[in-house]
Amino acid sequence: MSIKTILNRCHPIRYFVYGAARFVGEQIHVVVRPRAGSLGQCGECGGRGPTYDTARHPRLFEFVPLWGYVVFLVYRMRRIDCSKCGVRTEQVPWADGKNRCCNVYRLFLARWARRVSWSEVALIFGVTWGVVNRAIRWVVEYGLLHRDLGRVTAIGVDEIAVWKGHKYLTVVYQIDQGSRRLLWVGKDRTKATIRAFFQMFGEGRAKALQFVASDMWKPYLDVIKQQAGQALQILDRFHVVAKLNKAVDEVRAQEARELARQGYEPILKHTRWCFLKRREKQTLDQRRKLKDVLHYDLRTVRAFLLKESFDAFWTYSSATWAGWFLDKWCTRAMRSRLEPMKRFAKTLRKHRPLLLNWFAAKGEIALGVVEGMNTNAKLAIRKARGFRTYEVLETALYHELGRLPEPVFTHRFC
């Protein structure tokens, strides 16, 4: 069986035929010729016209490797006498514009880039990091153009930290049961950023939203209320618990410094994760340390017991009874004389209706999935290590989490 036969089977090209294949050093060069009597396609308008002239020197287009050998399609480009545009360089079906990689090879590289880092893909297939980046960008642009944004009823809005100096990306996910994907990425976490998402999403789709989950960041809450006021706004449980843990840790840090200044035994030393971790995730030493510390009359112990008691809030099935518990718990926190816990209680009171919406949405959408998606987003950013630009990060996130449609070819190479 010849290489020509294999290519005709896995990658047929309409209006063109494969010619001879030969080794050139460690590369395989396969000649491509126009089919006799076929008209070329104008590179500007896409219309067909007769050949004006043909290039003297062939152009090489890198194809998917075969048996470890680099493969190039060798073709002498024509100029087409287009009735609309005049004489223009032809458009070939296996590559776009002046790109020297075949489209099927770009899709091949992009699929591999979901499995390993972009740098590793470049190393394995002997290309540059920029070639991999451009291949992924092409696949992402195709997917964004052809994706279906219909039937989105629940979204989650969050931010992820990138680089240093409080640099953030705003990410919006679809979190419907059975359909979880990245819908949009925006720079910073301002009102203008989240408005840009709703502008892209469209007013009709925004009005069809039933649930919107987010943290307590005010710019998000304000714009969501304006653009999708009919949707049930939900505060994500992860962010509420994270703020509570931060309050407990503030109490611990303050008290540890006070004990050190007063010359007492450093009983709170190395206890941070004893107070913040769930019991099932604590090590044996952390459990023993926590058991010892709980015997002391400390402000940190009071803050910890308040934190542990708050877990009961999430076990309620009735929003009415959950609201009763929340009010009682906030009263206890306000009387605790612990400033970080009092600030947290004030925050809960301020956002009480949004907190209780959590129970209305329970079982309807995939609550908590946003943080899982964020973990995958951070992994995607690490895999794309290279030139640290916003455009690369956006491309990497869409590629990994967008579940975008891909160009369709006769054969799937990987």
Protein backbone atom coordinates (compact mmCIF):
# COMPACT_ATOMS: atom_id res chain seq x y z
CA MET A 1 0.00 0.00 0.00
CA SER A 2 1.44 3.41 -0.99
CA ILE A 3 1.45 6.68 0.95
CA LYS A 4 -0.68 8.15 -1.85
CA THR A 5 -3.38 5.53 -1.19
CA ILE A 6 -3.31 6.23 2.57
CA LEU A 7 -3.65 9.99 2.03
CA ASN A 8 -6.52 9.54 -0.42
CA ARG A 9 -8.27 7.44 2.22
CA CYS A 10 -7.70 9.60 5.31
CA HIS A 11 -7.37 13.10 3.82
CA PRO A 12 -9.00 13.43 0.37
CA ILE A 13 -8.82 16.92 -1.17
CA ARG A 14 -11.54 17.94 -3.58
CA TYR A 15 -10.30 19.41 -6.90
CA PHE A 16 -6.75 18.19 -6.13
CA VAL A 17 -4.84 14.90 -6.45
CA TYR A 18 -1.83 13.46 -4.66
CA GLY A 19 1.24 12.75 -6.75
CA ALA A 20 4.57 11.09 -6.03
CA ALA A 21 5.92 10.76 -2.50
CA ARG A 22 9.64 10.69 -1.79
CA PHE A 23 12.14 11.01 1.03
CA VAL A 24 14.05 14.27 1.33
CA GLY A 25 16.53 13.60 4.12
CA GLU A 26 14.40 12.49 7.09
CA GLN A 27 11.23 14.07 5.68
CA ILE A 28 8.51 12.73 3.40
CA HIS A 29 7.44 15.11 0.63
CA VAL A 30 4.14 14.41 -1.11
CA VAL A 31 3.38 16.34 -4.29
CA VAL A 32 -0.12 17.82 -4.67
CA ARG A 33 -1.46 18.88 -8.08
CA PRO A 34 -4.74 20.48 -9.22
CA ARG A 35 -7.15 18.04 -10.80
CA ALA A 36 -7.19 18.41 -14.57
CA GLY A 37 -9.79 20.92 -15.74
CA SER A 38 -10.59 22.24 -12.23
CA LEU A 39 -10.80 25.93 -11.47
CA GLY A 40 -8.89 27.54 -8.63
CA GLN A 41 -10.54 29.35 -5.73
CA CYS A 42 -9.92 33.07 -5.20
CA GLY A 43 -8.16 33.75 -1.91
CA GLU A 44 -10.20 36.91 -1.32
CA CYS A 45 -13.82 36.23 -2.24
CA GLY A 46 -13.78 32.44 -2.55
CA GLY A 47 -15.10 32.48 -6.11
CA ARG A 48 -13.64 30.20 -8.76
CA GLY A 49 -11.72 31.29 -11.80
CA PRO A 50 -9.11 30.22 -14.38
CA THR A 51 -5.40 30.02 -13.62
CA TYR A 52 -3.45 33.22 -14.39
CA ASP A 53 0.00 31.81 -13.64
CA THR A 54 1.75 29.29 -11.35
CA ALA A 55 4.59 29.87 -8.87
CA ARG A 56 8.05 28.71 -9.92
CA HIS A 57 8.91 27.33 -6.51
CA PRO A 58 6.66 25.01 -4.50
CA ARG A 59 5.37 25.80 -1.01
CA LEU A 60 5.63 23.22 1.79
CA PHE A 61 2.67 22.58 4.10
CA GLU A 62 3.40 20.48 7.20
CA PHE A 63 1.09 17.49 7.54
CA VAL A 64 0.43 15.00 10.36
CA PRO A 65 3.59 12.89 10.95
CA LEU A 66 3.58 9.33 9.64
CA TRP A 67 5.60 6.60 11.45
CA GLY A 68 7.73 9.25 13.14
CA TYR A 69 8.62 11.01 9.89
CA VAL A 70 7.76 14.65 9.25
CA VAL A 71 5.41 14.89 6.25
CA PHE A 72 5.01 17.88 3.93
CA LEU A 73 2.50 18.47 1.18
CA VAL A 74 4.37 20.10 -1.71
CA TYR A 75 2.31 22.41 -3.90
CA ARG A 76 3.03 25.15 -6.43
CA MET A 77 0.57 27.93 -5.69
CA ARG A 78 -1.47 29.44 -8.51
CA ARG A 79 -2.80 32.93 -9.04
CA ILE A 80 -6.44 33.05 -10.06
CA ASP A 81 -7.97 35.48 -12.52
CA CYS A 82 -11.09 36.30 -10.49
CA SER A 83 -13.91 38.14 -12.25
CA LYS A 84 -14.61 40.16 -9.06
CA CYS A 85 -11.23 40.68 -7.43
CA GLY A 86 -8.80 40.49 -10.34
CA VAL A 87 -5.64 38.41 -10.09
CA ARG A 88 -5.33 36.92 -6.60
CA THR A 89 -3.39 34.08 -4.97
CA GLU A 90 -5.55 31.00 -4.70
CA GLN A 91 -7.06 29.61 -1.54
CA VAL A 92 -6.20 25.96 -0.91
CA PRO A 93 -8.58 23.72 1.08
CA TRP A 94 -5.96 22.11 3.32
CA ALA A 95 -4.56 25.36 4.85
CA ASP A 96 -5.77 28.88 5.60
CA GLY A 97 -4.12 32.03 4.27
CA LYS A 98 -0.33 31.99 4.48
CA ASN A 99 -0.24 29.35 7.22
CA ARG A 100 2.37 26.68 6.52
CA CYS A 101 0.62 24.01 8.61
CA CYS A 102 -2.24 21.94 7.23
CA ASN A 103 -5.53 22.49 9.05
CA VAL A 104 -5.74 18.84 9.99
CA TYR A 105 -2.26 19.08 11.55
CA ARG A 106 -3.28 22.14 13.58
CA LEU A 107 -6.27 20.21 14.94
CA PHE A 108 -3.93 17.29 15.67
CA LEU A 109 -1.60 19.54 17.73
CA ALA A 110 -4.53 21.17 19.54
CA ARG A 111 -5.92 17.81 20.64
CA TRP A 112 -2.55 16.77 21.99
CA ALA A 113 -2.31 20.08 23.88
CA ARG A 114 -5.29 19.00 26.01
CA ARG A 115 -3.29 16.03 27.28
CA VAL A 116 0.15 17.51 27.97
CA SER A 117 1.66 20.99 28.20
CA TRP A 118 2.01 23.09 25.09
CA SER A 119 5.80 23.10 25.46
CA GLU A 120 5.80 19.30 25.59
CA VAL A 121 3.67 19.10 22.43
CA ALA A 122 6.13 21.39 20.64
CA LEU A 123 9.05 19.23 21.79
CA ILE A 124 7.41 15.92 20.80
CA PHE A 125 6.49 16.99 17.28
CA GLY A 126 9.50 19.18 16.57
CA VAL A 127 7.67 22.49 16.18
CA THR A 128 7.91 25.78 18.04
CA TRP A 129 5.72 26.84 20.94
CA GLY A 130 4.28 29.54 18.68
CA VAL A 131 3.09 26.96 16.14
CA VAL A 132 1.21 25.11 18.89
CA ASN A 133 -0.25 28.37 20.18
CA ARG A 134 -1.49 29.40 16.71
CA ALA A 135 -2.95 25.94 16.11
CA ILE A 136 -4.92 26.07 19.36
CA ARG A 137 -6.07 29.62 18.66
CA TRP A 138 -7.38 28.54 15.25
CA VAL A 139 -9.35 25.66 16.80
CA VAL A 140 -10.72 27.95 19.53
CA GLU A 141 -11.80 30.64 17.05
CA TYR A 142 -13.61 28.01 14.99
CA GLY A 143 -15.32 26.65 18.13
CA LEU A 144 -16.45 30.07 19.37
CA LEU A 145 -17.91 30.84 15.95
CA HIS A 146 -19.86 27.57 15.75
CA ARG A 147 -20.87 26.89 19.39
CA ASP A 148 -24.49 26.84 20.51
CA LEU A 149 -25.37 29.16 23.41
CA GLY A 150 -29.01 28.14 23.53
CA ARG A 151 -30.62 26.41 26.50
CA VAL A 152 -28.34 28.01 29.11
CA THR A 153 -30.43 28.40 32.28
CA ALA A 154 -27.76 28.56 35.01
CA ILE A 155 -24.41 30.33 35.10
CA GLY A 156 -21.65 30.73 37.67
CA VAL A 157 -19.53 33.88 37.87
CA ASP A 158 -16.16 33.95 39.60
CA GLU A 159 -12.64 35.33 39.34
CA ILE A 160 -9.28 33.61 39.24
CA ALA A 161 -5.98 35.25 40.19
CA VAL A 162 -3.25 35.33 37.53
CA TRP A 163 0.29 36.67 37.69
CA LYS A 164 1.20 38.88 40.66
CA GLY A 165 -0.16 42.13 42.05
CA HIS A 166 -3.88 41.32 42.28
CA LYS A 167 -4.38 40.59 38.58
CA TYR A 168 -7.66 38.78 37.93
CA LEU A 169 -9.67 37.17 35.17
CA THR A 170 -13.45 37.01 35.37
CA VAL A 171 -14.80 33.65 34.23
CA VAL A 172 -18.41 32.71 33.52
CA TYR A 173 -19.43 29.04 33.41
CA GLN A 174 -22.57 27.24 32.40
CA ILE A 175 -23.49 25.10 35.43
CA ASP A 176 -26.70 23.39 34.33
CA GLN A 177 -26.98 19.78 35.45
CA GLY A 178 -25.29 17.68 32.75
CA SER A 179 -23.83 20.68 30.92
CA ARG A 180 -20.80 22.35 32.44
CA ARG A 181 -18.51 24.51 30.34
CA LEU A 182 -16.74 27.84 30.14
CA LEU A 183 -18.84 30.49 28.42
CA TRP A 184 -16.68 33.60 28.69
CA VAL A 185 -13.40 35.03 29.95
CA GLY A 186 -12.82 38.71 30.76
CA LYS A 187 -9.94 40.80 32.01
CA ASP A 188 -10.14 42.21 35.58
CA ARG A 189 -13.24 41.92 37.82
CA THR A 190 -15.03 45.22 37.38
CA LYS A 191 -18.57 46.16 36.46
CA ALA A 192 -17.42 46.83 32.90
CA THR A 193 -16.00 43.32 32.72
CA ILE A 194 -19.21 41.53 33.70
CA ARG A 195 -21.25 43.87 31.51
CA ALA A 196 -19.10 42.79 28.56
CA PHE A 197 -20.20 39.20 29.18
CA PHE A 198 -23.90 40.09 29.10
CA GLN A 199 -23.33 42.12 25.94
CA MET A 200 -21.78 39.06 24.30
CA PHE A 201 -24.43 36.73 25.72
CA GLY A 202 -27.34 38.79 24.44
CA GLU A 203 -30.38 40.25 26.15
CA GLY A 204 -32.67 37.39 25.11
CA ARG A 205 -30.44 34.71 26.62
CA ALA A 206 -29.89 36.80 29.77
CA LYS A 207 -33.65 37.03 30.31
CA ALA A 208 -33.91 33.24 29.99
CA LEU A 209 -31.50 32.62 32.89
CA GLN A 210 -33.05 31.01 35.95
CA PHE A 211 -30.05 30.77 38.33
CA VAL A 212 -26.87 32.82 38.72
CA ALA A 213 -24.25 31.73 41.28
CA SER A 214 -21.47 34.08 42.35
CA ASP A 215 -19.43 35.24 45.32
CA MET A 216 -20.16 38.39 47.34
CA TRP A 217 -18.14 40.72 45.11
CA LYS A 218 -20.36 43.81 44.82
CA PRO A 219 -19.67 44.69 41.14
CA TYR A 220 -20.83 41.18 40.14
CA LEU A 221 -23.98 41.34 42.26
CA ASP A 222 -24.97 44.79 41.00
CA VAL A 223 -24.59 44.01 37.29
CA ILE A 224 -26.25 40.59 37.59
CA LYS A 225 -29.25 42.24 39.25
CA GLN A 226 -29.46 44.79 36.42
CA GLN A 227 -28.96 42.40 33.50
CA ALA A 228 -30.68 39.23 34.79
CA GLY A 229 -32.94 40.43 37.58
CA GLN A 230 -35.44 37.62 37.03
CA ALA A 231 -32.82 34.95 37.78
CA LEU A 232 -32.40 33.56 41.28
CA GLN A 233 -29.09 34.95 42.59
CA ILE A 234 -27.17 32.46 44.73
CA LEU A 235 -24.09 32.97 46.85
CA ASP A 236 -21.71 30.11 46.26
CA ARG A 237 -21.14 28.04 49.41
CA PHE A 238 -17.39 27.83 48.85
CA HIS A 239 -16.95 31.61 49.08
CA VAL A 240 -19.09 31.89 52.22
CA VAL A 241 -17.05 29.20 53.97
CA ALA A 242 -13.80 30.78 52.75
CA LYS A 243 -14.75 34.11 54.35
CA LEU A 244 -15.65 32.33 57.60
CA ASN A 245 -12.30 30.52 57.63
CA LYS A 246 -10.53 33.82 57.02
CA ALA A 247 -12.29 35.35 60.04
CA VAL A 248 -11.27 32.42 62.27
CA ASP A 249 -7.68 32.66 61.06
CA GLU A 250 -7.60 36.38 61.86
CA VAL A 251 -8.69 35.66 65.43
CA ARG A 252 -6.01 32.96 65.75
CA ALA A 253 -3.22 35.16 64.34
CA GLN A 254 -4.12 38.10 66.62
CA GLU A 255 -4.27 35.94 69.72
CA ALA A 256 -1.02 34.13 68.89
CA ARG A 257 0.79 37.48 68.66
CA GLU A 258 -0.71 38.64 71.96
CA LEU A 259 0.33 35.44 73.76
CA ALA A 260 3.88 35.81 72.40
CA ARG A 261 4.11 39.43 73.59
CA GLN A 262 2.88 38.47 77.07
CA GLY A 263 5.40 35.64 77.36
CA TYR A 264 2.92 32.75 77.47
CA GLU A 265 3.57 29.29 76.06
CA PRO A 266 3.10 29.35 72.23
CA ILE A 267 0.20 26.90 72.28
CA LEU A 268 -1.25 28.30 69.03
CA LYS A 269 1.96 27.77 67.09
CA HIS A 270 1.47 25.55 63.99
CA THR A 271 -2.29 25.29 64.58
CA ARG A 272 -3.59 27.17 61.55
CA TRP A 273 -4.74 24.09 59.61
CA CYS A 274 -5.97 22.43 62.77
CA PHE A 275 -8.70 25.06 62.88
CA LEU A 276 -9.32 25.44 59.14
CA LYS A 277 -9.29 21.87 57.82
CA ARG A 278 -12.27 19.58 57.97
CA ARG A 279 -11.83 16.76 60.47
CA GLU A 280 -11.80 14.08 57.77
CA LYS A 281 -8.87 15.83 56.05
CA GLN A 282 -6.76 16.45 59.14
CA THR A 283 -3.65 14.42 59.83
CA LEU A 284 -3.32 12.45 63.07
CA ASP A 285 -0.93 15.05 64.51
CA GLN A 286 -3.33 17.88 63.65
CA ARG A 287 -6.19 16.09 65.42
CA ARG A 288 -4.08 15.58 68.53
CA LYS A 289 -2.92 19.20 68.52
CA LEU A 290 -6.49 20.46 68.12
CA LYS A 291 -7.71 18.25 70.97
CA ASP A 292 -5.06 19.70 73.28
CA VAL A 293 -5.77 23.35 72.32
CA LEU A 294 -9.54 22.98 72.83
CA HIS A 295 -8.96 22.54 76.57
CA TYR A 296 -7.82 26.17 76.86
CA ASP A 297 -10.13 29.16 77.29
CA LEU A 298 -9.04 31.06 74.16
CA ARG A 299 -10.75 33.44 71.79
CA THR A 300 -9.56 31.22 68.95
CA VAL A 301 -11.41 28.26 70.44
CA ARG A 302 -14.62 30.29 70.64
CA ALA A 303 -14.21 31.36 67.00
CA PHE A 304 -13.57 27.74 66.00
CA LEU A 305 -16.69 26.49 67.79
CA LEU A 306 -18.75 29.18 66.05
CA LYS A 307 -17.34 28.06 62.72
CA GLU A 308 -18.14 24.42 63.41
CA SER A 309 -21.70 25.23 64.43
CA PHE A 310 -22.28 27.18 61.20
CA ASP A 311 -21.96 23.93 59.21
CA ALA A 312 -25.48 23.06 60.35
CA PHE A 313 -26.80 25.90 58.17
CA TRP A 314 -26.14 23.92 54.99
CA THR A 315 -28.02 20.85 56.23
CA TYR A 316 -31.46 22.50 56.29
CA SER A 317 -33.95 21.65 53.57
CA SER A 318 -36.32 24.52 54.39
CA ALA A 319 -35.26 28.10 53.63
CA THR A 320 -37.52 29.31 56.48
CA TRP A 321 -35.79 27.23 59.12
CA ALA A 322 -32.39 27.97 57.60
CA GLY A 323 -33.18 31.68 57.95
CA TRP A 324 -34.13 31.15 61.61
CA PHE A 325 -30.82 29.39 62.24
CA LEU A 326 -28.88 32.10 60.38
CA ASP A 327 -30.42 34.86 62.50
CA LYS A 328 -29.65 33.00 65.73
CA TRP A 329 -26.08 32.27 64.65
CA CYS A 330 -25.43 35.90 63.67
CA THR A 331 -26.71 37.05 67.06
CA ARG A 332 -24.27 34.70 68.80
CA ALA A 333 -21.42 35.93 66.58
CA MET A 334 -22.24 39.59 67.31
CA ARG A 335 -22.13 38.87 71.07
CA SER A 336 -18.84 36.97 70.84
CA ARG A 337 -16.68 40.13 71.16
CA LEU A 338 -14.57 38.79 68.29
CA GLU A 339 -14.26 41.54 65.70
CA PRO A 340 -13.48 39.32 62.65
CA MET A 341 -16.48 37.11 63.48
CA LYS A 342 -18.70 40.17 63.96
CA ARG A 343 -17.67 41.51 60.54
CA PHE A 344 -18.51 38.14 59.00
CA ALA A 345 -21.92 38.12 60.72
CA LYS A 346 -22.66 41.62 59.34
CA THR A 347 -21.79 40.35 55.86
CA LEU A 348 -24.21 37.44 56.26
CA ARG A 349 -26.99 39.75 57.40
CA LYS A 350 -26.35 42.04 54.46
CA HIS A 351 -26.66 39.18 51.98
CA ARG A 352 -29.31 37.15 53.84
CA PRO A 353 -31.80 36.84 50.90
CA LEU A 354 -29.06 35.64 48.54
CA LEU A 355 -27.88 33.09 51.09
CA LEU A 356 -31.37 31.65 51.46
CA ASN A 357 -31.69 31.39 47.67
CA TRP A 358 -29.14 28.58 47.98
CA PHE A 359 -31.89 26.33 49.32
CA ALA A 360 -34.28 27.20 46.51
CA ALA A 361 -31.65 26.14 43.95
CA LYS A 362 -30.56 23.04 45.83
CA GLY A 363 -30.86 20.05 43.49
CA GLU A 364 -31.65 22.24 40.49
CA ILE A 365 -28.12 23.25 39.49
CA ALA A 366 -24.63 21.97 40.15
CA LEU A 367 -23.75 24.18 43.15
CA GLY A 368 -20.05 24.12 43.99
CA VAL A 369 -19.02 23.11 40.48
CA VAL A 370 -17.62 26.60 39.90
CA GLU A 371 -14.66 25.95 42.19
CA GLY A 372 -13.99 22.63 40.50
CA MET A 373 -13.96 24.41 37.15
CA ASN A 374 -11.62 27.03 38.59
CA THR A 375 -9.18 24.31 39.60
CA ASN A 376 -9.19 23.02 36.03
CA ALA A 377 -8.77 26.59 34.76
CA LYS A 378 -5.61 27.07 36.84
CA LEU A 379 -4.28 23.76 35.54
CA ALA A 380 -4.95 24.92 31.96
CA ILE A 381 -3.02 28.14 32.59
CA ARG A 382 -0.04 26.16 33.90
CA LYS A 383 -0.13 23.86 30.85
CA ALA A 384 0.03 26.89 28.55
CA ARG A 385 3.19 28.23 30.16
CA GLY A 386 5.06 30.42 27.72
CA PHE A 387 4.40 34.01 26.76
CA ARG A 388 2.33 35.36 29.63
CA THR A 389 -0.22 37.43 27.78
CA TYR A 390 -3.93 37.76 28.33
CA GLU A 391 -4.68 36.43 24.83
CA VAL A 392 -2.80 33.18 25.52
CA LEU A 393 -4.58 32.66 28.85
CA GLU A 394 -7.96 33.27 27.24
CA THR A 395 -7.17 30.80 24.45
CA ALA A 396 -5.97 28.17 26.93
CA LEU A 397 -9.11 28.44 29.06
CA TYR A 398 -11.51 28.21 26.13
CA HIS A 399 -9.56 25.25 24.74
CA GLU A 400 -9.60 23.28 27.99
CA LEU A 401 -12.99 24.16 29.45
CA GLY A 402 -15.15 25.53 26.64
CA ARG A 403 -16.24 22.17 25.19
CA LEU A 404 -16.11 23.86 21.80
CA PRO A 405 -17.01 22.16 18.52
CA GLU A 406 -14.03 21.30 16.32
CA PRO A 407 -13.48 21.29 12.55
CA VAL A 408 -14.58 18.01 11.00
CA PHE A 409 -12.22 16.01 8.76
CA THR A 410 -12.55 12.66 7.06
CA HIS A 411 -10.26 10.92 9.52
CA ARG A 412 -9.57 11.50 13.24
CA PHE A 413 -5.80 11.40 13.68
CA CYS A 414 -5.78 11.34 17.49
